[in-house]
PDB file of N, CA and C in Angstrom:
ATOM      1  N   MET A   1      88.621 113.772  86.605  1.00  0.00           N
ATOM      2  CA  MET A   1      89.559 112.729  86.262  1.00  0.00           C
ATOM      3  C   MET A   1      90.317 112.331  87.529  1.00  0.00           C
ATOM      4  N   CYS A   2      90.493 111.036  87.714  1.00  0.00           N
ATOM      5  CA  CYS A   2      91.221 110.514  88.866  1.00  0.00           C
ATOM      6  C   CYS A   2      92.599 110.043  88.430  1.00  0.00           C
ATOM      7  N   LEU A   3      93.597 110.418  89.182  1.00  0.00           N
ATOM      8  CA  LEU A   3      94.965 110.025  88.862  1.00  0.00           C
ATOM      9  C   LEU A   3      95.590 109.327  90.049  1.00  0.00           C
ATOM     10  N   SER A   4      96.394 108.332  89.754  1.00  0.00           N
ATOM     11  CA  SER A   4      97.181 107.682  90.802  1.00  0.00           C
ATOM     12  C   SER A   4      98.641 107.778  90.398  1.00  0.00           C
ATOM     13  N   VAL A   5      99.506 107.847  91.387  1.00  0.00           N
ATOM     14  CA  VAL A   5     100.933 107.989  91.113  1.00  0.00           C
ATOM     15  C   VAL A   5     101.704 106.833  91.743  1.00  0.00           C
ATOM     16  N   PRO A   6     102.775 106.398  91.081  1.00  0.00           N
ATOM     17  CA  PRO A   6     103.598 105.334  91.654  1.00  0.00           C
ATOM     18  C   PRO A   6     104.440 105.873  92.800  1.00  0.00           C
ATOM     19  N   ALA A   7     104.599 105.046  93.822  1.00  0.00           N
ATOM     20  CA  ALA A   7     105.373 105.440  94.998  1.00  0.00           C
ATOM     21  C   ALA A   7     106.071 104.212  95.562  1.00  0.00           C
ATOM     22  N   LYS A   8     107.195 104.450  96.222  1.00  0.00           N
ATOM     23  CA  LYS A   8     107.949 103.367  96.856  1.00  0.00           C
ATOM     24  C   LYS A   8     107.756 103.448  98.362  1.00  0.00           C
ATOM     25  N   ILE A   9     107.453 102.318  98.984  1.00  0.00           N
ATOM     26  CA  ILE A   9     107.293 102.277 100.438  1.00  0.00           C
ATOM     27  C   ILE A   9     108.679 102.353 101.075  1.00  0.00           C
ATOM     28  N   VAL A  10     108.906 103.416 101.875  1.00  0.00           N
ATOM     29  CA  VAL A  10     110.212 103.596 102.513  1.00  0.00           C
ATOM     30  C   VAL A  10     110.158 103.416 104.028  1.00  0.00           C
ATOM     31  N   GLU A  11     108.968 103.499 104.598  1.00  0.00           N
ATOM     32  CA  GLU A  11     108.761 103.215 106.024  1.00  0.00           C
ATOM     33  C   GLU A  11     107.388 102.581 106.143  1.00  0.00           C
ATOM     34  N   LEU A  12     107.264 101.671 107.105  1.00  0.00           N
ATOM     35  CA  LEU A  12     105.994 100.966 107.260  1.00  0.00           C
ATOM     36  C   LEU A  12     105.700 100.786 108.738  1.00  0.00           C
ATOM     37  N   GLN A  13     104.515 101.220 109.140  1.00  0.00           N
ATOM     38  CA  GLN A  13     104.108 101.100 110.533  1.00  0.00           C
ATOM     39  C   GLN A  13     102.621 100.749 110.551  1.00  0.00           C
ATOM     40  N   GLY A  14     102.346  99.452 110.679  1.00  0.00           N
ATOM     41  CA  GLY A  14     100.956  99.010 110.644  1.00  0.00           C
ATOM     42  C   GLY A  14     100.356  99.250 109.277  1.00  0.00           C
ATOM     43  N   ARG A  15      99.207  99.911 109.263  1.00  0.00           N
ATOM     44  CA  ARG A  15      98.547 100.167 107.978  1.00  0.00           C
ATOM     45  C   ARG A  15      98.975 101.487 107.335  1.00  0.00           C
ATOM     46  N   LEU A  16      99.858 102.224 108.000  1.00  0.00           N
ATOM     47  CA  LEU A  16     100.359 103.475 107.434  1.00  0.00           C
ATOM     48  C   LEU A  16     101.788 103.308 106.945  1.00  0.00           C
ATOM     49  N   ALA A  17     102.059 103.907 105.817  1.00  0.00           N
ATOM     50  CA  ALA A  17     103.402 103.851 105.249  1.00  0.00           C
ATOM     51  C   ALA A  17     103.842 105.255 104.873  1.00  0.00           C
ATOM     52  N   THR A  18     105.142 105.459 104.908  1.00  0.00           N
ATOM     53  CA  THR A  18     105.722 106.644 104.295  1.00  0.00           C
ATOM     54  C   THR A  18     106.172 106.189 102.920  1.00  0.00           C
ATOM     55  N   VAL A  19     105.720 106.907 101.910  1.00  0.00           N
ATOM     56  CA  VAL A  19     106.067 106.546 100.537  1.00  0.00           C
ATOM     57  C   VAL A  19     106.830 107.687  99.886  1.00  0.00           C
ATOM     58  N   ASP A  20     107.679 107.326  98.949  1.00  0.00           N
ATOM     59  CA  ASP A  20     108.450 108.303  98.191  1.00  0.00           C
ATOM     60  C   ASP A  20     107.823 108.433  96.809  1.00  0.00           C
ATOM     61  N   VAL A  21     107.398 109.647  96.491  1.00  0.00           N
ATOM     62  CA  VAL A  21     106.813 109.945  95.187  1.00  0.00           C
ATOM     63  C   VAL A  21     107.701 110.982  94.520  1.00  0.00           C
ATOM     64  N   MET A  22     108.542 110.554  93.605  1.00  0.00           N
ATOM     65  CA  MET A  22     109.437 111.446  92.867  1.00  0.00           C
ATOM     66  C   MET A  22     110.230 112.354  93.808  1.00  0.00           C
ATOM     67  N   GLY A  23     110.763 111.772  94.880  1.00  0.00           N
ATOM     68  CA  GLY A  23     111.595 112.523  95.811  1.00  0.00           C
ATOM     69  C   GLY A  23     110.841 113.207  96.933  1.00  0.00           C
ATOM     70  N   ASN A  24     109.522 113.158  96.908  1.00  0.00           N
ATOM     71  CA  ASN A  24     108.692 113.747  97.962  1.00  0.00           C
ATOM     72  C   ASN A  24     108.110 112.632  98.814  1.00  0.00           C
ATOM     73  N   ARG A  25     108.203 112.791 100.122  1.00  0.00           N
ATOM     74  CA  ARG A  25     107.666 111.774 101.027  1.00  0.00           C
ATOM     75  C   ARG A  25     106.309 112.208 101.556  1.00  0.00           C
ATOM     76  N   ARG A  26     105.422 111.232 101.649  1.00  0.00           N
ATOM     77  CA  ARG A  26     104.086 111.477 102.183  1.00  0.00           C
ATOM     78  C   ARG A  26     103.567 110.204 102.810  1.00  0.00           C
ATOM     79  N   GLU A  27     102.506 110.318 103.595  1.00  0.00           N
ATOM     80  CA  GLU A  27     101.904 109.145 104.213  1.00  0.00           C
ATOM     81  C   GLU A  27     100.842 108.571 103.297  1.00  0.00           C
ATOM     82  N   ALA A  28     100.721 107.247 103.334  1.00  0.00           N
ATOM     83  CA  ALA A  28      99.672 106.565 102.580  1.00  0.00           C
ATOM     84  C   ALA A  28      99.155 105.401 103.413  1.00  0.00           C
ATOM     85  N   ASP A  29      97.864 105.187 103.338  1.00  0.00           N
ATOM     86  CA  ASP A  29      97.234 104.042 103.991  1.00  0.00           C
ATOM     87  C   ASP A  29      97.424 102.840 103.070  1.00  0.00           C
ATOM     88  N   VAL A  30      98.033 101.774 103.583  1.00  0.00           N
ATOM     89  CA  VAL A  30      98.322 100.591 102.755  1.00  0.00           C
ATOM     90  C   VAL A  30      97.384  99.426 103.077  1.00  0.00           C
ATOM     91  N   SER A  31      96.285  99.695 103.769  1.00  0.00           N
ATOM     92  CA  SER A  31      95.380  98.616 104.175  1.00  0.00           C
ATOM     93  C   SER A  31      94.691  97.927 102.999  1.00  0.00           C
ATOM     94  N   LEU A  32      94.672  98.548 101.829  1.00  0.00           N
ATOM     95  CA  LEU A  32      94.046  97.935 100.652  1.00  0.00           C
ATOM     96  C   LEU A  32      95.004  97.032  99.879  1.00  0.00           C
ATOM     97  N   VAL A  33      96.281  97.038 100.259  1.00  0.00           N
ATOM     98  CA  VAL A  33      97.313  96.271  99.547  1.00  0.00           C
ATOM     99  C   VAL A  33      97.615  94.999 100.325  1.00  0.00           C
ATOM    100  N   ASP A  34      97.715  93.892  99.606  1.00  0.00           N
ATOM    101  CA  ASP A  34      98.003  92.602 100.223  1.00  0.00           C
ATOM    102  C   ASP A  34      99.476  92.499 100.605  1.00  0.00           C
ATOM    103  N   GLU A  35      99.749  92.362 101.880  1.00  0.00           N
ATOM    104  CA  GLU A  35     101.091  92.175 102.428  1.00  0.00           C
ATOM    105  C   GLU A  35     102.126  93.201 101.930  1.00  0.00           C
ATOM    106  N   PRO A  36     101.910  94.478 102.224  1.00  0.00           N
ATOM    107  CA  PRO A  36     102.891  95.495 101.813  1.00  0.00           C
ATOM    108  C   PRO A  36     104.218  95.295 102.541  1.00  0.00           C
ATOM    109  N   GLN A  37     105.315  95.537 101.838  1.00  0.00           N
ATOM    110  CA  GLN A  37     106.661  95.383 102.387  1.00  0.00           C
ATOM    111  C   GLN A  37     107.487  96.623 102.059  1.00  0.00           C
ATOM    112  N   LEU A  38     108.517  96.875 102.872  1.00  0.00           N
ATOM    113  CA  LEU A  38     109.460  97.948 102.551  1.00  0.00           C
ATOM    114  C   LEU A  38     110.034  97.691 101.168  1.00  0.00           C
ATOM    115  N   GLY A  39     110.139  98.739 100.378  1.00  0.00           N
ATOM    116  CA  GLY A  39     110.702  98.617  99.043  1.00  0.00           C
ATOM    117  C   GLY A  39     109.689  98.311  97.962  1.00  0.00           C
ATOM    118  N   ASP A  40     108.456  97.942  98.340  1.00  0.00           N
ATOM    119  CA  ASP A  40     107.414  97.695  97.340  1.00  0.00           C
ATOM    120  C   ASP A  40     107.044  98.997  96.644  1.00  0.00           C
ATOM    121  N   TYR A  41     106.672  98.875  95.384  1.00  0.00           N
ATOM    122  CA  TYR A  41     106.101  99.999  94.648  1.00  0.00           C
ATOM    123  C   TYR A  41     104.594  99.830  94.635  1.00  0.00           C
ATOM    124  N   VAL A  42     103.888 100.931  94.874  1.00  0.00           N
ATOM    125  CA  VAL A  42     102.429 100.915  94.920  1.00  0.00           C
ATOM    126  C   VAL A  42     101.887 102.113  94.149  1.00  0.00           C
ATOM    127  N   LEU A  43     100.651 101.985  93.692  1.00  0.00           N
ATOM    128  CA  LEU A  43      99.947 103.125  93.114  1.00  0.00           C
ATOM    129  C   LEU A  43      99.184 103.804  94.237  1.00  0.00           C
ATOM    130  N   VAL A  44      99.344 105.122  94.360  1.00  0.00           N
ATOM    131  CA  VAL A  44      98.696 105.876  95.434  1.00  0.00           C
ATOM    132  C   VAL A  44      97.672 106.828  94.828  1.00  0.00           C
ATOM    133  N   HIS A  45      96.473 106.784  95.402  1.00  0.00           N
ATOM    134  CA  HIS A  45      95.399 107.683  94.983  1.00  0.00           C
ATOM    135  C   HIS A  45      94.672 108.170  96.234  1.00  0.00           C
ATOM    136  N   ALA A  46      94.569 109.461  96.389  1.00  0.00           N
ATOM    137  CA  ALA A  46      93.830 110.076  97.503  1.00  0.00           C
ATOM    138  C   ALA A  46      94.298 109.557  98.862  1.00  0.00           C
ATOM    139  N   GLY A  47      95.615 109.346  98.989  1.00  0.00           N
ATOM    140  CA  GLY A  47      96.173 108.931 100.268  1.00  0.00           C
ATOM    141  C   GLY A  47      96.130 107.443 100.544  1.00  0.00           C
ATOM    142  N   PHE A  48      95.650 106.664  99.584  1.00  0.00           N
ATOM    143  CA  PHE A  48      95.579 105.212  99.738  1.00  0.00           C
ATOM    144  C   PHE A  48      96.427 104.525  98.680  1.00  0.00           C
ATOM    145  N   ALA A  49      97.220 103.545  99.111  1.00  0.00           N
ATOM    146  CA  ALA A  49      97.891 102.661  98.162  1.00  0.00           C
ATOM    147  C   ALA A  49      96.812 101.706  97.673  1.00  0.00           C
ATOM    148  N   ILE A  50      96.584 101.667  96.360  1.00  0.00           N
ATOM    149  CA  ILE A  50      95.471 100.870  95.843  1.00  0.00           C
ATOM    150  C   ILE A  50      95.913  99.571  95.187  1.00  0.00           C
ATOM    151  N   GLN A  51      97.196  99.467  94.827  1.00  0.00           N
ATOM    152  CA  GLN A  51      97.704  98.197  94.305  1.00  0.00           C
ATOM    153  C   GLN A  51      99.214  98.232  94.234  1.00  0.00           C
ATOM    154  N   LYS A  52      99.820  97.046  94.257  1.00  0.00           N
ATOM    155  CA  LYS A  52     101.267  96.934  94.074  1.00  0.00           C
ATOM    156  C   LYS A  52     101.577  97.006  92.588  1.00  0.00           C
ATOM    157  N   MET A  53     102.814  97.366  92.283  1.00  0.00           N
ATOM    158  CA  MET A  53     103.273  97.352  90.899  1.00  0.00           C
ATOM    159  C   MET A  53     104.739  96.951  90.883  1.00  0.00           C
ATOM    160  N   THR A  54     105.214  96.490  89.744  1.00  0.00           N
ATOM    161  CA  THR A  54     106.613  96.096  89.640  1.00  0.00           C
ATOM    162  C   THR A  54     107.491  97.338  89.577  1.00  0.00           C
ATOM    163  N   ALA A  55     108.754  97.162  89.891  1.00  0.00           N
ATOM    164  CA  ALA A  55     109.709  98.274  89.805  1.00  0.00           C
ATOM    165  C   ALA A  55     109.792  98.787  88.372  1.00  0.00           C
ATOM    166  N   GLU A  56     109.711  97.874  87.406  1.00  0.00           N
ATOM    167  CA  GLU A  56     109.780  98.267  85.995  1.00  0.00           C
ATOM    168  C   GLU A  56     108.577  99.120  85.606  1.00  0.00           C
ATOM    169  N   ASP A  57     107.378  98.693  86.018  1.00  0.00           N
ATOM    170  CA  ASP A  57     106.179  99.471  85.714  1.00  0.00           C
ATOM    171  C   ASP A  57     106.212 100.830  86.406  1.00  0.00           C
ATOM    172  N   ALA A  58     106.712 100.858  87.637  1.00  0.00           N
ATOM    173  CA  ALA A  58     106.825 102.123  88.365  1.00  0.00           C
ATOM    174  C   ALA A  58     107.780 103.068  87.644  1.00  0.00           C
ATOM    175  N   ALA A  59     108.924 102.544  87.189  1.00  0.00           N
ATOM    176  CA  ALA A  59     109.906 103.380  86.485  1.00  0.00           C
ATOM    177  C   ALA A  59     109.316 103.945  85.200  1.00  0.00           C
ATOM    178  N   GLU A  60     108.579 103.125  84.467  1.00  0.00           N
ATOM    179  CA  GLU A  60     107.963 103.584  83.220  1.00  0.00           C
ATOM    180  C   GLU A  60     106.927 104.670  83.493  1.00  0.00           C
ATOM    181  N   SER A  61     106.110 104.463  84.510  1.00  0.00           N
ATOM    182  CA  SER A  61     105.098 105.447  84.866  1.00  0.00           C
ATOM    183  C   SER A  61     105.731 106.748  85.355  1.00  0.00           C
ATOM    184  N   LEU A  62     106.768 106.641  86.184  1.00  0.00           N
ATOM    185  CA  LEU A  62     107.452 107.842  86.683  1.00  0.00           C
ATOM    186  C   LEU A  62     108.079 108.636  85.547  1.00  0.00           C
ATOM    187  N   LYS A  63     108.590 107.936  84.550  1.00  0.00           N
ATOM    188  CA  LYS A  63     109.162 108.613  83.384  1.00  0.00           C
ATOM    189  C   LYS A  63     108.096 109.466  82.692  1.00  0.00           C
ATOM    190  N   LEU A  64     106.903 108.920  82.563  1.00  0.00           N
ATOM    191  CA  LEU A  64     105.805 109.672  81.949  1.00  0.00           C
ATOM    192  C   LEU A  64     105.403 110.866  82.809  1.00  0.00           C
ATOM    193  N   TRP A  65     105.345 110.684  84.132  1.00  0.00           N
ATOM    194  CA  TRP A  65     105.020 111.794  85.030  1.00  0.00           C
ATOM    195  C   TRP A  65     106.061 112.906  84.929  1.00  0.00           C
ATOM    196  N   GLU A  66     107.338 112.523  84.832  1.00  0.00           N
ATOM    197  CA  GLU A  66     108.402 113.525  84.700  1.00  0.00           C
ATOM    198  C   GLU A  66     108.270 114.284  83.389  1.00  0.00           C
ATOM    199  N   GLU A  67     107.891 113.586  82.324  1.00  0.00           N
ATOM    200  CA  GLU A  67     107.691 114.242  81.035  1.00  0.00           C
ATOM    201  C   GLU A  67     106.525 115.228  81.110  1.00  0.00           C
ATOM    202  N   ILE A  68     105.449 114.832  81.757  1.00  0.00           N
ATOM    203  CA  ILE A  68     104.298 115.728  81.937  1.00  0.00           C
ATOM    204  C   ILE A  68     104.719 116.969  82.720  1.00  0.00           C
ATOM    205  N   ALA A  69     105.493 116.788  83.780  1.00  0.00           N
ATOM    206  CA  ALA A  69     105.952 117.918  84.590  1.00  0.00           C
ATOM    207  C   ALA A  69     106.811 118.872  83.764  1.00  0.00           C
ATOM    208  N   ARG A  70     107.687 118.328  82.923  1.00  0.00           N
ATOM    209  CA  ARG A  70     108.530 119.185  82.077  1.00  0.00           C
ATOM    210  C   ARG A  70     107.679 120.018  81.125  1.00  0.00           C
ATOM    211  N   VAL A  71     106.665 119.404  80.534  1.00  0.00           N
ATOM    212  CA  VAL A  71     105.784 120.130  79.615  1.00  0.00           C
ATOM    213  C   VAL A  71     105.026 121.217  80.370  1.00  0.00           C
ATOM    214  N   GLU A  72     104.501 120.877  81.540  1.00  0.00           N
ATOM    215  CA  GLU A  72     103.753 121.848  82.345  1.00  0.00           C
ATOM    216  C   GLU A  72     104.625 123.028  82.763  1.00  0.00           C
ATOM    217  N   LEU A  73     105.903 122.762  83.030  1.00  0.00           N
ATOM    218  CA  LEU A  73     106.823 123.819  83.457  1.00  0.00           C
ATOM    219  C   LEU A  73     107.451 124.552  82.278  1.00  0.00           C
ATOM    220  N   GLY A  74     107.145 124.094  81.067  1.00  0.00           N
ATOM    221  CA  GLY A  74     107.661 124.749  79.876  1.00  0.00           C
ATOM    222  C   GLY A  74     109.127 124.506  79.623  1.00  0.00           C
ATOM    223  N   GLU A  75     109.635 123.386  80.082  1.00  0.00           N
ATOM    224  CA  GLU A  75     111.061 123.076  79.874  1.00  0.00           C
ATOM    225  C   GLU A  75     111.272 122.375  78.554  1.00  0.00           C
TER     226      GLU A  75
END
């Protein structure tokens, strides 16, 4: 199964971006995304931003990820 997670672009340098995923920062290649900008939300899979998403869609998806994490941690 392949999963992608929503992330916010917080730094941008050419085709590489630093993205924030639920408080964790990591690098992602944004070359597949049309005109990435600071503050954009993107779906990240295997180190690549694969598409932009709205802030609302990102918030909804992050809420589901947080719920999954709580269940996995037994909270």
